[in-house]
Protein backbone atom coordinates (compact mmCIF):
# COMPACT_ATOMS: atom_id res chain seq x y z
CA MET A 1 -3.58 -44.43 8.09
CA THR A 2 -3.82 -42.36 4.94
CA ILE A 3 -4.54 -43.48 1.41
CA ASP A 4 -3.40 -42.23 -1.96
CA THR A 5 -6.30 -40.28 -3.48
CA ARG A 6 -4.72 -39.85 -6.89
CA PRO A 7 -7.06 -42.49 -8.40
CA HIS A 8 -10.01 -40.50 -7.03
CA ARG A 9 -8.64 -37.30 -8.58
CA LEU A 10 -8.12 -38.97 -11.94
CA ALA A 11 -11.65 -40.40 -11.83
CA LEU A 12 -13.02 -36.95 -10.95
CA ALA A 13 -11.17 -35.42 -13.91
CA ASP A 14 -12.53 -38.13 -16.19
CA ARG A 15 -16.12 -37.50 -15.04
CA LEU A 16 -15.78 -33.74 -15.49
CA ALA A 17 -14.24 -34.15 -18.93
CA ALA A 18 -16.89 -36.64 -20.04
CA ALA A 19 -19.61 -34.17 -18.99
CA GLY A 20 -17.94 -31.42 -21.03
CA HIS A 21 -16.97 -29.26 -18.03
CA LEU A 22 -13.21 -29.90 -18.11
CA THR A 23 -11.84 -28.97 -21.51
CA THR A 24 -8.32 -27.50 -21.15
CA PRO A 25 -5.09 -29.31 -20.28
CA GLY A 26 -4.16 -26.76 -17.61
CA SER A 27 -7.41 -27.17 -15.71
CA ARG A 28 -7.26 -30.95 -15.99
CA ALA A 29 -3.74 -30.96 -14.56
CA ALA A 30 -4.96 -28.82 -11.67
CA VAL A 31 -7.85 -31.19 -10.86
CA GLU A 32 -5.58 -34.24 -11.02
CA ALA A 33 -2.96 -32.61 -8.76
CA THR A 34 -5.19 -31.03 -6.09
CA PRO A 35 -6.33 -33.26 -3.19
CA ARG A 36 -9.84 -32.10 -2.34
CA GLU A 37 -9.66 -33.89 1.02
CA LEU A 38 -7.07 -31.40 2.30
CA PHE A 39 -9.68 -28.65 2.03
CA LEU A 40 -12.31 -30.35 4.18
CA HIS A 41 -10.55 -30.05 7.54
CA PRO A 42 -11.74 -30.60 10.22
CA GLY A 43 -14.82 -32.19 8.68
CA VAL A 44 -18.13 -31.82 6.89
CA PHE A 45 -21.84 -31.94 7.59
CA LEU A 46 -23.81 -34.45 5.54
CA PRO A 47 -27.59 -34.01 5.11
CA THR A 48 -29.87 -36.45 6.89
CA ASP A 49 -33.28 -37.65 5.75
CA ASP A 50 -35.02 -35.56 8.42
CA GLY A 51 -33.44 -32.27 7.35
CA ARG A 52 -30.64 -32.15 9.90
CA TRP A 53 -26.85 -32.30 9.47
CA GLN A 54 -24.65 -35.27 10.42
CA PRO A 55 -21.09 -34.22 11.38
CA ARG A 56 -18.28 -36.29 9.89
CA THR A 57 -14.66 -35.55 10.73
CA GLN A 58 -11.52 -36.70 8.99
CA LEU A 59 -10.02 -38.07 12.22
CA GLY A 60 -13.18 -39.97 13.10
CA THR A 61 -13.78 -41.55 9.69
CA ASN A 62 -12.19 -44.53 8.02
CA PRO A 63 -9.69 -43.18 5.42
CA THR A 64 -11.33 -45.09 2.59
CA GLU A 65 -14.74 -43.69 3.50
CA TRP A 66 -13.29 -40.19 3.96
CA ALA A 67 -11.82 -40.32 0.46
CA ARG A 68 -15.19 -41.42 -0.91
CA ILE A 69 -16.89 -38.48 0.79
CA ALA A 70 -14.24 -36.01 -0.38
CA TYR A 71 -14.79 -36.89 -4.05
CA LEU A 72 -18.57 -36.95 -4.07
CA ASP A 73 -20.02 -34.96 -6.96
CA GLU A 74 -21.79 -32.59 -4.60
CA SER A 75 -21.23 -29.59 -2.36
CA LEU A 76 -19.99 -30.46 1.12
CA VAL A 77 -21.03 -28.18 3.97
CA THR A 78 -18.11 -27.25 6.21
CA GLN A 79 -19.71 -24.68 8.54
CA LEU A 80 -23.13 -24.05 10.05
CA ASP A 81 -24.53 -20.80 11.43
CA ASN A 82 -21.35 -18.78 10.73
CA HIS A 83 -19.27 -20.57 13.37
CA LEU A 84 -19.95 -24.28 13.90
CA THR A 85 -17.57 -26.90 12.46
CA ALA A 86 -17.98 -30.68 12.43
CA ASP A 87 -15.40 -31.31 15.17
CA GLN A 88 -17.49 -29.34 17.67
CA VAL A 89 -20.51 -31.66 17.72
CA ALA A 90 -21.13 -35.40 17.72
CA GLN A 91 -24.82 -35.84 16.89
CA PRO A 92 -27.01 -34.70 13.99
CA LEU A 93 -28.31 -31.18 14.44
CA ALA A 94 -30.29 -28.44 12.74
CA GLY A 95 -28.47 -25.46 11.30
CA PHE A 96 -28.00 -23.13 8.35
CA PRO A 97 -25.03 -23.77 6.02
CA THR A 98 -22.68 -20.77 5.84
CA SER A 99 -19.57 -22.27 4.22
CA SER A 100 -18.99 -25.22 1.94
CA SER A 101 -16.74 -26.92 -0.55
CA THR A 102 -18.74 -26.29 -3.70
CA THR A 103 -19.40 -29.22 -6.01
CA PRO A 104 -16.35 -29.73 -8.26
CA VAL A 105 -18.40 -29.43 -11.45
CA THR A 106 -19.42 -25.88 -10.51
CA VAL A 107 -15.91 -24.85 -9.48
CA VAL A 108 -14.25 -26.28 -12.56
CA ALA A 109 -16.89 -24.98 -14.98
CA MET A 110 -16.42 -21.46 -13.59
CA ILE A 111 -12.64 -21.63 -13.87
CA GLU A 112 -12.94 -22.86 -17.45
CA ALA A 113 -15.36 -20.00 -18.20
CA LEU A 114 -12.66 -17.49 -17.21
CA ASP A 115 -10.66 -18.46 -20.32
CA LEU A 116 -7.36 -18.36 -18.43
CA HIS A 117 -3.98 -18.01 -20.08
CA ASP A 118 -0.46 -18.13 -18.69
CA GLY A 119 0.44 -14.90 -16.94
CA HIS A 120 -3.12 -13.87 -16.10
CA THR A 121 -3.75 -12.42 -12.65
CA VAL A 122 -6.91 -13.38 -10.77
CA LEU A 123 -8.80 -11.88 -7.84
CA GLU A 124 -10.98 -14.49 -6.15
CA ILE A 125 -13.79 -13.24 -3.92
CA GLY A 126 -14.52 -15.87 -1.29
CA THR A 127 -11.65 -18.23 -0.46
CA GLY A 128 -13.95 -20.60 1.38
CA THR A 129 -12.25 -23.94 1.89
CA GLY A 130 -9.46 -22.94 -0.52
CA TYR A 131 -10.06 -25.72 -3.05
CA SER A 132 -10.84 -23.38 -5.94
CA THR A 133 -7.91 -21.18 -4.85
CA ALA A 134 -5.60 -24.19 -5.09
CA LEU A 135 -6.87 -25.02 -8.58
CA LEU A 136 -6.18 -21.44 -9.67
CA CYS A 137 -2.72 -21.47 -8.08
CA HIS A 138 -1.81 -24.69 -9.87
CA ARG A 139 -3.05 -23.29 -13.19
CA LEU A 140 -1.50 -19.79 -12.99
CA GLY A 141 1.10 -19.91 -10.25
CA GLU A 142 0.46 -18.67 -6.75
CA ASP A 143 2.03 -15.25 -7.41
CA ASN A 144 -0.81 -14.50 -9.82
CA VAL A 145 -3.69 -15.33 -7.46
CA THR A 146 -5.17 -13.08 -4.77
CA SER A 147 -8.01 -14.50 -2.68
CA ILE A 148 -10.29 -12.70 -0.21
CA GLU A 149 -12.24 -14.28 2.65
CA VAL A 150 -14.45 -12.34 5.07
CA ASP A 151 -14.40 -15.00 7.83
CA PRO A 152 -11.01 -15.11 9.65
CA ASP A 153 -11.53 -18.70 10.88
CA VAL A 154 -12.41 -19.93 7.40
CA ALA A 155 -9.43 -18.04 5.96
CA SER A 156 -7.08 -19.59 8.53
CA ARG A 157 -8.19 -23.13 7.67
CA ALA A 158 -7.91 -22.40 3.96
CA ASP A 159 -4.39 -21.00 4.36
CA ALA A 160 -3.31 -24.13 6.24
CA ALA A 161 -4.77 -26.38 3.56
CA LEU A 162 -3.18 -24.34 0.76
CA GLU A 163 0.22 -24.60 2.47
CA GLN A 164 -0.24 -28.35 2.88
CA ALA A 165 -1.05 -28.55 -0.82
CA GLY A 166 2.16 -26.66 -1.62
CA HIS A 167 0.72 -23.20 -2.30
CA SER A 168 0.90 -19.82 -0.67
CA THR A 169 -1.06 -16.96 -2.15
CA TRP A 170 -2.13 -13.38 -1.56
CA THR A 171 -4.88 -14.20 0.91
CA VAL A 172 -6.68 -11.23 2.41
CA THR A 173 -9.23 -11.24 5.22
CA GLY A 174 -11.81 -8.52 4.76
CA ASP A 175 -14.95 -7.47 2.94
CA GLY A 176 -14.95 -9.31 -0.35
CA LEU A 177 -17.50 -6.90 -1.80
CA LEU A 178 -14.91 -4.16 -1.67
CA GLY A 179 -12.25 -6.23 -3.37
CA HIS A 180 -8.61 -5.45 -2.70
CA PRO A 181 -6.50 -3.05 -4.75
CA ARG A 182 -3.10 -4.51 -3.86
CA ARG A 183 -2.50 -6.18 -7.22
CA ALA A 184 -5.08 -4.37 -9.35
CA PRO A 185 -5.91 -4.19 -12.11
CA TYR A 186 -6.55 -7.90 -12.48
CA ASP A 187 -7.13 -9.82 -15.67
CA LYS A 188 -9.94 -11.82 -14.09
CA VAL A 189 -12.24 -11.49 -11.09
CA ILE A 190 -14.19 -14.53 -9.92
CA ALA A 191 -16.66 -14.73 -7.03
CA THR A 192 -17.45 -17.97 -5.21
CA CYS A 193 -20.43 -16.40 -3.46
CA ALA A 194 -23.66 -14.92 -4.80
CA VAL A 195 -24.28 -11.17 -4.90
CA ARG A 196 -27.43 -9.19 -5.58
CA ARG A 197 -25.47 -7.25 -8.16
CA ILE A 198 -21.83 -7.18 -9.21
CA PRO A 199 -20.14 -4.42 -7.17
CA TYR A 200 -18.72 -1.70 -9.36
CA THR A 201 -15.48 -1.94 -7.36
CA TRP A 202 -14.89 -5.29 -9.04
CA VAL A 203 -15.28 -3.69 -12.46
CA ARG A 204 -12.94 -0.89 -11.46
CA GLN A 205 -10.27 -3.39 -10.38
CA THR A 206 -10.39 -5.30 -13.68
CA ARG A 207 -8.30 -4.20 -16.66
CA PRO A 208 -10.07 -3.24 -19.91
CA GLY A 209 -10.74 -6.46 -21.80
CA GLY A 210 -10.73 -8.42 -18.54
CA THR A 211 -13.52 -10.58 -17.18
CA VAL A 212 -15.72 -10.51 -14.08
CA LEU A 213 -17.55 -13.76 -13.31
CA ALA A 214 -20.10 -13.92 -10.50
CA THR A 215 -23.43 -15.44 -9.51
CA VAL A 216 -26.16 -12.79 -9.31
CA GLY A 217 -29.34 -13.12 -7.29
CA SER A 218 -30.41 -13.12 -3.65
CA TRP A 219 -32.17 -16.50 -3.41
CA THR A 220 -30.55 -19.91 -3.02
CA TYR A 221 -31.92 -20.92 -6.43
CA GLY A 222 -33.13 -19.16 -9.54
CA THR A 223 -29.82 -17.33 -9.81
CA GLY A 224 -27.55 -16.82 -12.81
CA LEU A 225 -23.84 -16.87 -13.56
CA ALA A 226 -22.97 -13.49 -15.06
CA LYS A 227 -19.90 -13.07 -17.26
CA VAL A 228 -19.04 -9.50 -18.24
CA THR A 229 -16.13 -7.93 -20.08
CA VAL A 230 -14.78 -4.59 -18.89
CA ASN A 231 -14.69 -1.84 -21.54
CA ASP A 232 -12.18 0.98 -21.98
CA ASP A 233 -14.73 3.50 -20.65
CA GLY A 234 -15.11 1.68 -17.33
CA THR A 235 -18.42 0.03 -18.11
CA ALA A 236 -18.87 -3.72 -18.42
CA GLU A 237 -21.16 -5.78 -20.61
CA GLY A 238 -21.96 -9.45 -21.07
CA ARG A 239 -24.67 -11.97 -20.33
CA ILE A 240 -25.85 -14.74 -18.05
CA ILE A 241 -23.98 -17.83 -19.23
CA ALA A 242 -25.55 -20.51 -17.02
CA ARG A 243 -27.60 -21.33 -13.99
CA SER A 244 -25.58 -21.07 -10.82
CA SER A 245 -26.14 -21.46 -7.10
CA PHE A 246 -23.85 -20.17 -4.35
CA MET A 247 -24.24 -19.09 -0.76
CA PRO A 248 -24.78 -15.32 -0.59
CA ALA A 249 -21.96 -12.99 0.36
CA ARG A 250 -22.06 -12.60 4.14
CA SER A 251 -22.82 -8.89 4.03
CA GLN A 252 -25.72 -9.48 1.62
CA ALA A 253 -27.30 -12.54 3.23
CA ASP A 254 -30.94 -12.02 4.16
CA ARG A 255 -31.99 -12.71 7.70
CA PRO A 256 -34.70 -15.38 7.72
CA LEU A 257 -38.20 -13.96 7.98
CA ASP A 258 -39.57 -14.62 11.43
CA GLY A 259 -42.52 -13.68 13.58
CA ASP A 260 -46.16 -13.70 12.51
CA LEU A 261 -45.99 -13.26 8.74
CA ALA A 262 -49.77 -13.02 8.46
CA ALA A 263 -49.72 -10.09 10.89
CA ARG A 264 -47.06 -8.37 8.80
CA ALA A 265 -49.40 -8.65 5.80
CA ALA A 266 -52.57 -7.81 7.69
CA TYR A 267 -53.28 -4.48 5.99
CA PRO A 268 -53.30 -4.87 2.21
CA ASP A 269 -54.06 -2.08 -0.22
CA SER A 270 -55.80 -4.42 -2.65
CA GLU A 271 -57.15 -7.94 -3.02
CA ARG A 272 -57.90 -9.86 -6.24
CA PRO A 273 -57.54 -13.25 -7.94
CA THR A 274 -54.26 -13.92 -9.74
CA PRO A 275 -54.00 -16.05 -12.88
CA ILE A 276 -50.37 -16.96 -12.12
CA SER A 277 -49.77 -19.49 -9.36
CA PRO A 278 -46.77 -18.77 -7.12
CA ALA A 279 -45.81 -22.41 -7.70
CA VAL A 280 -44.16 -21.11 -10.87
CA LEU A 281 -41.46 -19.59 -8.64
CA GLY A 282 -40.23 -23.13 -8.02
CA GLU A 283 -38.98 -23.07 -11.63
CA TRP A 284 -35.52 -21.61 -12.22
CA MET A 285 -36.24 -18.99 -14.90
CA PRO A 286 -39.41 -17.52 -13.35
CA ALA A 287 -37.54 -17.32 -10.04
CA PHE A 288 -34.70 -15.45 -11.76
CA LEU A 289 -37.14 -13.10 -13.49
CA THR A 290 -38.77 -12.38 -10.13
CA GLN A 291 -35.43 -11.42 -8.63
CA LEU A 292 -34.79 -9.07 -11.57
CA THR A 293 -38.27 -7.60 -11.21
CA ALA A 294 -38.30 -7.29 -7.41
CA PRO A 295 -34.63 -7.16 -6.35
CA GLY A 296 -34.28 -7.65 -2.62
CA ALA A 297 -37.66 -9.36 -2.18
CA GLN A 298 -37.69 -12.45 0.01
CA LEU A 299 -39.84 -15.48 -0.76
CA THR A 300 -41.28 -17.74 1.89
CA ARG A 301 -44.00 -20.39 1.94
CA ALA A 302 -46.39 -21.24 4.74
CA THR A 303 -49.83 -22.73 5.34
CA THR A 304 -53.02 -21.27 6.76
CA ALA A 305 -54.58 -22.54 9.97
CA ASP A 306 -56.77 -24.87 7.90
CA GLY A 307 -53.82 -26.21 5.90
CA ARG A 308 -54.09 -24.22 2.67
CA PRO A 309 -50.83 -23.22 0.88
CA ARG A 310 -49.75 -19.62 1.28
CA THR A 311 -46.85 -17.75 -0.33
CA TYR A 312 -45.33 -14.43 0.72
CA LEU A 313 -43.07 -11.94 -1.01
CA PHE A 314 -41.66 -9.31 1.33
CA ASP A 315 -39.56 -6.34 0.25
CA THR A 316 -38.67 -4.84 3.60
CA ALA A 317 -36.50 -2.08 2.12
CA ARG A 318 -39.46 -0.76 0.13
CA GLU A 319 -42.03 -1.73 2.79
CA SER A 320 -44.07 -3.77 0.33
CA PHE A 321 -45.55 -7.26 0.44
CA ALA A 322 -47.62 -9.75 -1.53
CA GLU A 323 -49.57 -12.59 0.06
CA LEU A 324 -51.01 -15.37 -2.12
CA THR A 325 -53.40 -17.95 -0.70
CA GLU A 326 -54.74 -21.03 -2.47
CA ALA A 327 -58.34 -22.22 -2.24
CA ASP A 328 -59.94 -24.85 -4.49
CA GLY A 329 -57.20 -24.60 -7.10
CA SER A 330 -57.22 -20.82 -7.46
CA TRP A 331 -55.09 -18.16 -5.82
CA THR A 332 -56.09 -14.92 -4.11
CA LEU A 333 -53.61 -12.05 -4.02
CA ARG A 334 -53.41 -9.46 -1.26
CA GLN A 335 -50.66 -6.86 -1.55
CA GLY A 336 -49.66 -3.63 0.09
CA GLY A 337 -47.03 -0.92 0.20
CA PRO A 338 -45.72 1.54 -2.38
CA ILE A 339 -44.70 -1.27 -4.79
CA ALA A 340 -47.32 -3.67 -6.14
CA LEU A 341 -44.87 -6.58 -6.05
CA TRP A 342 -46.97 -9.31 -7.60
CA ASP A 343 -48.24 -7.04 -10.37
CA THR A 344 -44.67 -6.56 -11.55
CA VAL A 345 -43.98 -10.29 -11.29
CA GLU A 346 -47.12 -11.13 -13.28
CA ASP A 347 -46.10 -8.67 -16.00
CA ALA A 348 -42.59 -10.11 -16.29
CA ILE A 349 -43.65 -13.75 -16.35
CA THR A 350 -46.45 -13.06 -18.85
CA ALA A 351 -44.07 -11.16 -21.15
CA TRP A 352 -41.53 -13.97 -20.86
CA ARG A 353 -44.12 -16.58 -21.80
CA GLU A 354 -45.34 -14.50 -24.74
CA ALA A 355 -41.74 -14.20 -25.94
CA GLY A 356 -41.47 -18.00 -26.13
CA GLN A 357 -39.93 -18.57 -22.69
CA PRO A 358 -36.33 -17.63 -23.57
CA ALA A 359 -33.57 -19.32 -21.60
CA ILE A 360 -31.54 -17.72 -18.83
CA THR A 361 -28.61 -17.55 -21.25
CA ASP A 362 -30.61 -15.05 -23.33
CA VAL A 363 -30.34 -12.47 -20.54
CA ARG A 364 -27.90 -9.64 -21.33
CA LEU A 365 -26.28 -7.38 -18.73
CA GLN A 366 -24.61 -3.97 -18.70
CA ILE A 367 -22.90 -2.40 -15.69
CA THR A 368 -22.16 1.31 -15.31
CA PRO A 369 -21.33 3.35 -12.19
CA GLN A 370 -24.98 4.46 -12.15
CA ALA A 371 -26.96 1.30 -12.84
CA HIS A 372 -27.16 -2.37 -13.72
CA THR A 373 -29.34 -3.07 -16.73
CA TYR A 374 -30.64 -6.52 -17.71
CA TRP A 375 -32.64 -7.28 -20.84
CA ILE A 376 -33.97 -10.04 -23.06
CA GLY A 377 -34.41 -9.12 -26.71
CA GLU A 378 -36.30 -5.93 -27.55
CA GLU A 379 -39.40 -6.39 -25.38
CA PRO A 380 -39.67 -3.36 -23.01
CA LYS A 381 -41.30 -5.50 -20.30
CA LEU A 382 -38.22 -7.74 -20.34
CA ARG A 383 -35.85 -4.94 -19.44
CA TRP A 384 -34.85 -4.13 -15.87
CA VAL A 385 -32.80 -1.15 -14.67
CA HIS A 386 -31.42 -1.34 -11.13
CA ARG A 387 -30.27 2.13 -10.16
CA ILE A 388 -27.31 2.51 -7.80
CA THR A 389 -28.13 5.07 -5.14
């Protein structure tokens, strides 16, 4: 038995409009016409209270309940560990999400931020389930949408769902970081994955005056949605327009830190108290500033043998680390390697606080073939240049 999900789609459009995320008639028509449930085949993984994932498949779920799940205002995980889908397991299990149907509010807000007009061509990096692709196809026509997906299995399921929804598009399987020149230059480029920096190939494949929209950052939080306009000289400039959280592009995903972390930080070059608790990195803006200050650094938290909190920053590419350990309400810093990681973080967070704690939307961005430059106002300590080597 199947049920008509049009009431669910209309209710979703109403919620998005009421929250101010759905503002144009074309996007609203796309939300109302696109069945999200088609893009969840064969199923999803729902989080359990103990940190595992409960598989739920369309065939094994009551249609009314499946429709409820499909229109939840949240991201729905569709793949674990780069290969596992919900039809392959029956019991809750541990795993790392590697593909999902992103929460509709994020998808729709990004599409609205593109400022689409009839006739625009779009390159989408990261087809994923295909839901956002379908929304773009409905808005612009499938001939104007090219979508790239690095995972062949994910791309195959998305293509099947798009066909079922009445769309066929220029879907390419390959490295989304490289883009695809088949229809370039595009009016708009949108990424549904996070990248450490916007690849210059995306800028090069966007016409002057066009837009590139992508989440920048290497952590699962504390990342920003960058919107840049391409200039006639091949550079691009814009700003961070919102908080944003996406799974990292496959080729940029960090491998989880494993082994004895304390042993990896056993030989520091210096040790001192730090006035800034690493707990501040649980806040969005300080976490974003840290990623600008120490691009590529991984953050992990642990405890000592006697139960005291401990935080690590590791920058394996630059062979540097910072270890922060709490005792009696104060923190001790030990760091080593050619880069004093926590010193740079302290400087950035202190400068940000002294500047009145500006919002993430105050961050500006310029992209050239040689570097990515971020800045906030005129303060030199709130300026970061990431050279491209």
